[in-house]
């Protein structure tokens, strides 16, 4: 419960953040269920759903569990739930979603068989397949296998976070004198170094796959050949651990060393979720839970035969292009010649890149050009998540080798990418790149690059690119994001001030153009919303359009409620968490919210304020979450070029018009597809056509 400005106490003013996130993951599951989604892509959405759930338990569930264990109620923080109530509600919701996911997976498997693709288990292996599997096991699997006889150990081994294990139960033969007990247990860790899906030789038009788990089950007699047993069974288990990093305060150790140690220690974090095959026998389950110390604040979830279904994200293509999304060819950005000088083009006007519809190669191309151009003197860039093989990083190293002054602000605490960022940080450090490891108490989440270059007259000119997403060539193929290229010296000057803040962070800079968190974004957004309220009150054009990944900051939600009560029309496209409840009379009746989940991950943050017809538009790295507004360094960049303003406005409207993959979010319904009698618009496909037409105009 919460009071809203000028209103009486109202129940259900906000949706709980964790439950809202679970509703988002249900939208991902809907994509796996959707029969219009290509079959292999449906399997991959099962993988995304499962991977999302793993991260949710490592982070959000773990946070709620710590609140519960600290004896705090947490009702004000958790939207009316006590921590213990919320833990139970999450577990209940996840169990239902897991049931749904297993049913969907079963249906997909049946549909694959109609396409002559068979996923077989160890009991369905033919003699010919058995010979292939035995050879494969001996040569590839057996050397990588970790098998632990847990019944013989005084101390139960620490299971790795999110690793999948086969829990083995052996009922020993009377002839076996190896063990004192009749029943013995072992654990087999499923190797991560081997593909989870093993493609078997085809038979005519039929293609066969066996999951690595079942291949190991088929080989149990080989693994345990030194024992004599009457019965052997194998059931999957998995444990998820708290992923919070515990960074020590040893001043003698480098920050890289501290983060490295914390990442290694993560594998020893407290368990928060235990998932098991629901067909496991009770004796084995009780034995394992007792040995692992799983308690009543952990989420214990009966699951299917296979865990780590996130691996379905890498389900083999099998050469079946007809069962996958068509690959799109990223388009050129009109006016930017990939073979010419990007500096010359950007000097003339601003350009906008909208990935993956347009080629992300322009970002790498500009850095490559900067690395070679003798007139370029400095490059400054923020890095949050790099690609596994990063051309961005190699371009920066190349620039340093060519004598440029290169400064990289790299965020070592980018959750789950710490190890990759550490690896690149060490590599760049060896090459002499100047590294900055952020600001104490703040994550650096903004995505900006500043390049300083001498013009023909020897005068220093600045160029910049600002993005809503990471500088990551891999995710740029599947995440939608905007990147602005600009030589606007006022914007570039303020970006330089942000880098000055990284170096000397006790001095808070002033900004007239950028909205910079944690110092100014919140108040600036309040002011922009207030302006729309005043425009509406005075009969002028008003309106707010926002595209976000998450909307959970309660003060910002209250501000949007206030604008709604004042009559301002508000359209929100929110991919993930949405704690705002739209469409409630007297509170949010002028607010509409949709969520689009489709082929690409919707990732841009975009703010549009009508401003009596003179629209104010920003692209941003910040969501409307407390962490983005108050405890991270974020940049929201204004769009001044009228042509680009129109393009962004157009692309928002195309997304808003989606009536194929858009879901409505309201007080009464969640995840109901928006269906109307208008022309069918699938926004991601429509956007690609939009940019094609723009290019050919």
Foldseek 3Di string as FASTA:
>chain_A
DDDFPPDDDDAQQWDFFLVQQLLLLVLLLVLLQDPVAFLLVSLLSLLVSQVVVLVCLQAVLVVLLVCVVVVHQCCVVGVRGGSLRVLVVNLVSVQVVQVVSVVSVVVSQVVVVVQQEHADFLVPADPVQLVVLVVCCVPPPVVQKDKFFQQPDPAGDQDFAFWKKKKKKFQADPPWPPDPDRITIMIITRGPVDQQWDWTDADVSHTYIYGSVRSVVNCVCVVPVVGHTDDMDIWMKHWHFHQDFDFDDPPVDDPLVRLVVRNVCRRVHHTAEMEIALPDDPVSVVVVCVSNVDDDNHNYHYHHRDHSSSSSSPPDPVPPPVSHDDQDDAAAFAQQDLPDQNVVSQVVHKTKDKFPLHDPVVVLSNLQCLLPDPQWAEKEWEAEAEALDHSNLVSQLSSVVSPHQYEYEYACPNRPRNVSSSVSVVVSVVSPHHYFHFDVQATAQWGKMKIWGQDPVRDIFIKMKGKLDGNYNVLSNFETIMIMIHRPVLVNVVVVVVVVCSVVVVDDDDHDFKQKPQPGNVVVVLVLLVLLLVCVVVPFDWEKEKEFQEADQPVVLSSQQVSVLSPHAYEYEYSRGDTRAACDPPGHVRYWYKYFDDRGHYGWIKIWICNRPPIWIWTWNAGNDCSRHYRYIIITGTDDDPVVVVVVVVLSVLVVPAQPGMATGHPVDRRHGRHDPDDHGDSVVVVSVVVVVVNVD
